[in-house]
N, C-alpha and C. Protein backbone atom coordinates (compact mmCIF):
# COMPACT_ATOMS: atom_id res chain seq x y z
N UNK A 1 -9.03 -2.90 24.98
CA UNK A 1 -9.33 -3.00 23.57
C UNK A 1 -8.82 -1.75 22.86
N UNK A 2 -8.35 -1.95 21.65
CA UNK A 2 -7.85 -0.87 20.78
C UNK A 2 -8.57 -1.00 19.45
N UNK A 3 -8.83 0.12 18.81
CA UNK A 3 -9.46 0.10 17.49
C UNK A 3 -8.54 0.69 16.44
N UNK A 4 -8.56 0.05 15.28
CA UNK A 4 -7.93 0.61 14.10
C UNK A 4 -9.07 1.13 13.23
N UNK A 5 -9.04 2.41 12.87
CA UNK A 5 -10.01 2.97 11.93
C UNK A 5 -9.26 3.31 10.65
N UNK A 6 -9.76 2.80 9.55
CA UNK A 6 -9.16 3.06 8.24
C UNK A 6 -10.22 3.73 7.39
N UNK A 7 -9.93 4.93 6.91
CA UNK A 7 -10.89 5.66 6.08
C UNK A 7 -10.32 5.82 4.68
N UNK A 8 -11.22 5.81 3.69
CA UNK A 8 -10.77 5.96 2.31
C UNK A 8 -11.95 6.16 1.38
N UNK A 9 -11.64 6.52 0.15
CA UNK A 9 -12.60 6.62 -0.94
C UNK A 9 -12.27 5.52 -1.93
N UNK A 10 -13.29 4.91 -2.50
CA UNK A 10 -13.10 3.90 -3.54
C UNK A 10 -13.20 4.58 -4.89
N UNK A 11 -12.26 4.29 -5.76
CA UNK A 11 -12.31 4.85 -7.11
C UNK A 11 -13.58 4.33 -7.78
N UNK A 12 -14.46 5.24 -8.27
CA UNK A 12 -15.78 4.83 -8.78
C UNK A 12 -15.74 3.74 -9.84
N UNK A 13 -14.77 3.79 -10.73
CA UNK A 13 -14.73 2.81 -11.81
C UNK A 13 -14.24 1.44 -11.34
N UNK A 14 -13.79 1.34 -10.08
CA UNK A 14 -13.24 0.08 -9.58
C UNK A 14 -14.03 -0.49 -8.40
N UNK A 15 -15.25 -0.02 -8.19
CA UNK A 15 -16.02 -0.46 -7.02
C UNK A 15 -16.26 -1.97 -7.00
N UNK A 16 -16.65 -2.54 -8.13
CA UNK A 16 -16.90 -3.98 -8.16
C UNK A 16 -15.63 -4.78 -7.91
N UNK A 17 -14.55 -4.37 -8.56
CA UNK A 17 -13.27 -5.05 -8.35
C UNK A 17 -12.83 -4.94 -6.91
N UNK A 18 -13.05 -3.77 -6.30
CA UNK A 18 -12.67 -3.58 -4.91
C UNK A 18 -13.46 -4.53 -4.01
N UNK A 19 -14.73 -4.71 -4.28
CA UNK A 19 -15.54 -5.64 -3.51
C UNK A 19 -14.96 -7.05 -3.53
N UNK A 20 -14.50 -7.49 -4.69
CA UNK A 20 -13.88 -8.81 -4.81
C UNK A 20 -12.55 -8.85 -4.04
N UNK A 21 -11.79 -7.76 -4.11
CA UNK A 21 -10.52 -7.68 -3.37
C UNK A 21 -10.76 -7.83 -1.87
N UNK A 22 -11.76 -7.12 -1.35
CA UNK A 22 -12.07 -7.20 0.08
C UNK A 22 -12.46 -8.63 0.45
N UNK A 23 -13.29 -9.24 -0.37
CA UNK A 23 -13.76 -10.59 -0.08
C UNK A 23 -12.64 -11.62 -0.11
N UNK A 24 -11.72 -11.50 -1.07
CA UNK A 24 -10.70 -12.53 -1.26
C UNK A 24 -9.36 -12.23 -0.59
N UNK A 25 -9.08 -10.98 -0.26
CA UNK A 25 -7.79 -10.63 0.35
C UNK A 25 -7.93 -9.87 1.66
N UNK A 26 -8.74 -8.82 1.65
CA UNK A 26 -8.86 -7.96 2.84
C UNK A 26 -9.42 -8.65 4.06
N UNK A 27 -10.61 -9.21 3.93
CA UNK A 27 -11.24 -9.87 5.07
C UNK A 27 -10.47 -11.10 5.54
N UNK A 28 -9.98 -11.96 4.64
CA UNK A 28 -9.19 -13.10 5.13
C UNK A 28 -7.96 -12.66 5.93
N UNK A 29 -7.32 -11.55 5.52
CA UNK A 29 -6.17 -11.07 6.28
C UNK A 29 -6.56 -10.79 7.72
N UNK A 30 -7.62 -9.99 7.92
CA UNK A 30 -8.02 -9.61 9.28
C UNK A 30 -8.55 -10.82 10.05
N UNK A 31 -9.29 -11.69 9.39
CA UNK A 31 -9.87 -12.85 10.06
C UNK A 31 -8.79 -13.78 10.60
N UNK A 32 -7.66 -13.87 9.92
CA UNK A 32 -6.59 -14.79 10.30
C UNK A 32 -5.57 -14.20 11.26
N UNK A 33 -5.70 -12.93 11.63
CA UNK A 33 -4.72 -12.28 12.50
C UNK A 33 -5.00 -12.58 13.96
N UNK A 34 -4.00 -12.97 14.73
CA UNK A 34 -4.20 -13.16 16.17
C UNK A 34 -4.54 -11.83 16.83
N UNK A 35 -5.46 -11.88 17.76
CA UNK A 35 -5.82 -10.69 18.53
C UNK A 35 -6.84 -9.78 17.88
N UNK A 36 -7.36 -10.14 16.71
CA UNK A 36 -8.39 -9.33 16.06
C UNK A 36 -9.75 -9.89 16.49
N UNK A 37 -10.58 -9.03 17.05
CA UNK A 37 -11.87 -9.44 17.60
C UNK A 37 -12.97 -9.33 16.55
N UNK A 38 -13.03 -8.20 15.86
CA UNK A 38 -14.11 -7.97 14.89
C UNK A 38 -13.64 -6.95 13.85
N UNK A 39 -14.25 -7.05 12.67
CA UNK A 39 -13.99 -6.10 11.59
C UNK A 39 -15.35 -5.68 11.03
N UNK A 40 -15.56 -4.37 10.92
CA UNK A 40 -16.80 -3.85 10.38
C UNK A 40 -16.48 -2.76 9.37
N UNK A 41 -17.34 -2.63 8.38
CA UNK A 41 -17.19 -1.58 7.39
C UNK A 41 -18.44 -0.72 7.34
N UNK A 42 -18.25 0.56 7.17
CA UNK A 42 -19.35 1.51 7.12
C UNK A 42 -19.20 2.40 5.90
N UNK A 43 -20.32 2.71 5.28
CA UNK A 43 -20.34 3.65 4.15
C UNK A 43 -20.89 4.97 4.67
N UNK A 44 -20.27 6.07 4.31
CA UNK A 44 -20.71 7.40 4.69
C UNK A 44 -22.00 7.72 3.91
N UNK A 45 -23.13 7.77 4.60
CA UNK A 45 -24.41 7.97 3.93
C UNK A 45 -24.64 9.41 3.49
N UNK A 46 -23.79 10.31 3.93
CA UNK A 46 -23.91 11.71 3.48
C UNK A 46 -23.26 11.92 2.12
N UNK A 47 -22.53 10.93 1.66
CA UNK A 47 -21.96 10.99 0.33
C UNK A 47 -20.67 11.79 0.21
N UNK A 48 -20.13 12.24 1.31
CA UNK A 48 -18.89 13.02 1.24
C UNK A 48 -17.69 12.13 1.57
N UNK A 49 -16.52 12.71 1.43
CA UNK A 49 -15.30 11.97 1.67
C UNK A 49 -14.94 12.02 3.15
N UNK A 50 -14.47 10.94 3.75
CA UNK A 50 -14.22 9.64 3.16
C UNK A 50 -15.51 8.84 2.99
N UNK A 51 -15.56 8.03 1.96
CA UNK A 51 -16.74 7.21 1.69
C UNK A 51 -16.86 6.03 2.63
N UNK A 52 -15.71 5.43 2.98
CA UNK A 52 -15.70 4.18 3.73
C UNK A 52 -14.91 4.36 5.03
N UNK A 53 -15.44 3.77 6.10
CA UNK A 53 -14.72 3.67 7.36
C UNK A 53 -14.71 2.19 7.74
N UNK A 54 -13.52 1.63 7.85
CA UNK A 54 -13.37 0.25 8.31
C UNK A 54 -12.93 0.31 9.77
N UNK A 55 -13.58 -0.48 10.59
CA UNK A 55 -13.31 -0.50 12.03
C UNK A 55 -12.82 -1.89 12.40
N UNK A 56 -11.63 -1.96 12.98
CA UNK A 56 -11.05 -3.23 13.39
C UNK A 56 -10.86 -3.19 14.90
N UNK A 57 -11.55 -4.07 15.62
CA UNK A 57 -11.41 -4.16 17.07
C UNK A 57 -10.31 -5.15 17.40
N UNK A 58 -9.36 -4.73 18.23
CA UNK A 58 -8.21 -5.55 18.58
C UNK A 58 -8.17 -5.78 20.08
N UNK A 59 -7.67 -6.93 20.49
CA UNK A 59 -7.57 -7.25 21.91
C UNK A 59 -6.62 -6.31 22.63
N UNK A 60 -5.58 -5.84 21.92
CA UNK A 60 -4.55 -5.04 22.59
C UNK A 60 -3.84 -4.15 21.57
N UNK A 61 -3.08 -3.21 22.10
CA UNK A 61 -2.25 -2.36 21.25
C UNK A 61 -1.22 -3.21 20.52
N UNK A 62 -0.68 -4.21 21.21
CA UNK A 62 0.30 -5.10 20.59
C UNK A 62 -0.30 -5.83 19.38
N UNK A 63 -1.52 -6.34 19.52
CA UNK A 63 -2.17 -7.04 18.40
C UNK A 63 -2.38 -6.10 17.22
N UNK A 64 -2.80 -4.87 17.49
CA UNK A 64 -3.01 -3.89 16.42
C UNK A 64 -1.70 -3.56 15.72
N UNK A 65 -0.67 -3.29 16.50
CA UNK A 65 0.64 -2.94 15.91
C UNK A 65 1.22 -4.11 15.13
N UNK A 66 1.06 -5.33 15.66
CA UNK A 66 1.57 -6.51 14.94
C UNK A 66 0.88 -6.66 13.59
N UNK A 67 -0.42 -6.45 13.55
CA UNK A 67 -1.16 -6.55 12.28
C UNK A 67 -0.69 -5.48 11.30
N UNK A 68 -0.61 -4.24 11.76
CA UNK A 68 -0.24 -3.14 10.87
C UNK A 68 1.21 -3.20 10.40
N UNK A 69 2.08 -3.83 11.19
CA UNK A 69 3.50 -3.92 10.84
C UNK A 69 3.84 -5.19 10.06
N UNK A 70 2.88 -6.06 9.88
CA UNK A 70 3.17 -7.35 9.25
C UNK A 70 3.46 -7.21 7.76
N UNK A 71 4.31 -8.07 7.23
CA UNK A 71 4.57 -8.06 5.78
C UNK A 71 3.29 -8.31 4.98
N UNK A 72 2.39 -9.13 5.51
CA UNK A 72 1.13 -9.41 4.82
C UNK A 72 0.30 -8.13 4.68
N UNK A 73 0.29 -7.30 5.71
CA UNK A 73 -0.47 -6.05 5.65
C UNK A 73 0.15 -5.11 4.63
N UNK A 74 1.48 -5.09 4.55
CA UNK A 74 2.14 -4.25 3.57
C UNK A 74 1.76 -4.67 2.15
N UNK A 75 1.61 -5.96 1.93
CA UNK A 75 1.17 -6.47 0.63
C UNK A 75 -0.27 -6.03 0.36
N UNK A 76 -1.14 -6.13 1.37
CA UNK A 76 -2.53 -5.70 1.23
C UNK A 76 -2.58 -4.21 0.88
N UNK A 77 -1.76 -3.42 1.55
CA UNK A 77 -1.73 -1.97 1.28
C UNK A 77 -1.37 -1.68 -0.18
N UNK A 78 -0.37 -2.37 -0.68
CA UNK A 78 0.05 -2.15 -2.06
C UNK A 78 -1.07 -2.53 -3.02
N UNK A 79 -1.75 -3.63 -2.74
CA UNK A 79 -2.86 -4.06 -3.58
C UNK A 79 -4.02 -3.08 -3.49
N UNK A 80 -4.34 -2.64 -2.27
CA UNK A 80 -5.47 -1.75 -2.06
C UNK A 80 -5.25 -0.39 -2.73
N UNK A 81 -4.02 0.05 -2.83
CA UNK A 81 -3.72 1.37 -3.40
C UNK A 81 -4.27 1.52 -4.81
N UNK A 82 -4.40 0.43 -5.52
CA UNK A 82 -4.96 0.49 -6.88
C UNK A 82 -6.43 0.92 -6.87
N UNK A 83 -7.14 0.60 -5.81
CA UNK A 83 -8.59 0.79 -5.74
C UNK A 83 -9.05 2.03 -4.98
N UNK A 84 -8.18 2.59 -4.12
CA UNK A 84 -8.65 3.64 -3.21
C UNK A 84 -7.78 4.88 -3.27
N UNK A 85 -8.35 5.97 -2.74
CA UNK A 85 -7.61 7.22 -2.57
C UNK A 85 -8.00 7.80 -1.21
N UNK A 86 -7.31 8.85 -0.81
CA UNK A 86 -7.60 9.56 0.45
C UNK A 86 -7.62 8.62 1.65
N UNK A 87 -6.67 7.71 1.70
CA UNK A 87 -6.62 6.71 2.76
C UNK A 87 -5.92 7.27 4.00
N UNK A 88 -6.49 6.98 5.17
CA UNK A 88 -5.82 7.32 6.42
C UNK A 88 -6.11 6.23 7.44
N UNK A 89 -5.22 6.11 8.42
CA UNK A 89 -5.34 5.09 9.46
C UNK A 89 -5.26 5.77 10.81
N UNK A 90 -6.16 5.40 11.69
CA UNK A 90 -6.18 5.89 13.06
C UNK A 90 -6.06 4.69 13.99
N UNK A 91 -5.27 4.81 15.02
CA UNK A 91 -5.14 3.79 16.05
C UNK A 91 -5.66 4.42 17.33
N UNK A 92 -6.79 3.91 17.83
CA UNK A 92 -7.50 4.54 18.93
C UNK A 92 -7.56 3.65 20.17
N UNK A 93 -7.39 4.27 21.34
CA UNK A 93 -7.59 3.55 22.59
C UNK A 93 -8.67 4.29 23.38
N UNK A 94 -9.39 3.57 24.23
CA UNK A 94 -10.49 4.20 24.98
C UNK A 94 -9.98 5.29 25.92
N UNK A 95 -10.82 6.30 26.11
CA UNK A 95 -10.47 7.38 27.04
C UNK A 95 -10.78 7.01 28.47
N UNK A 96 -11.59 5.98 28.65
CA UNK A 96 -12.02 5.61 29.99
C UNK A 96 -13.33 6.26 30.38
N UNK A 97 -13.83 7.13 29.53
CA UNK A 97 -15.11 7.78 29.78
C UNK A 97 -16.15 7.11 28.89
N UNK A 98 -17.29 6.85 29.44
CA UNK A 98 -18.36 6.22 28.65
C UNK A 98 -19.70 6.81 29.04
N UNK A 99 -20.62 6.75 28.11
CA UNK A 99 -21.97 7.22 28.38
C UNK A 99 -22.90 6.04 28.12
N UNK A 100 -23.59 5.62 29.14
CA UNK A 100 -24.52 4.49 29.00
C UNK A 100 -25.95 4.96 29.00
């Protein structure tokens, strides 16, 4: 399994519009991608930047790269840019160490 972590801040005056964007464009994109297992969003409760962390669980590195390189994702990025700032993307693979 590989994870994509996307962090960003939502422009305060566009929070409601961003919510609609996620519902109508963002989530459907991830839901329809082959190899995507789960998508979760988290708000930073400390109130500092980044405000939002989106976590996308992928079956494989190939699935993650295919999603990020797709023309549809490039369109989503252009649309999302209107609503967010301080955006970064991390592509993470497990270290093999775990604590149970």
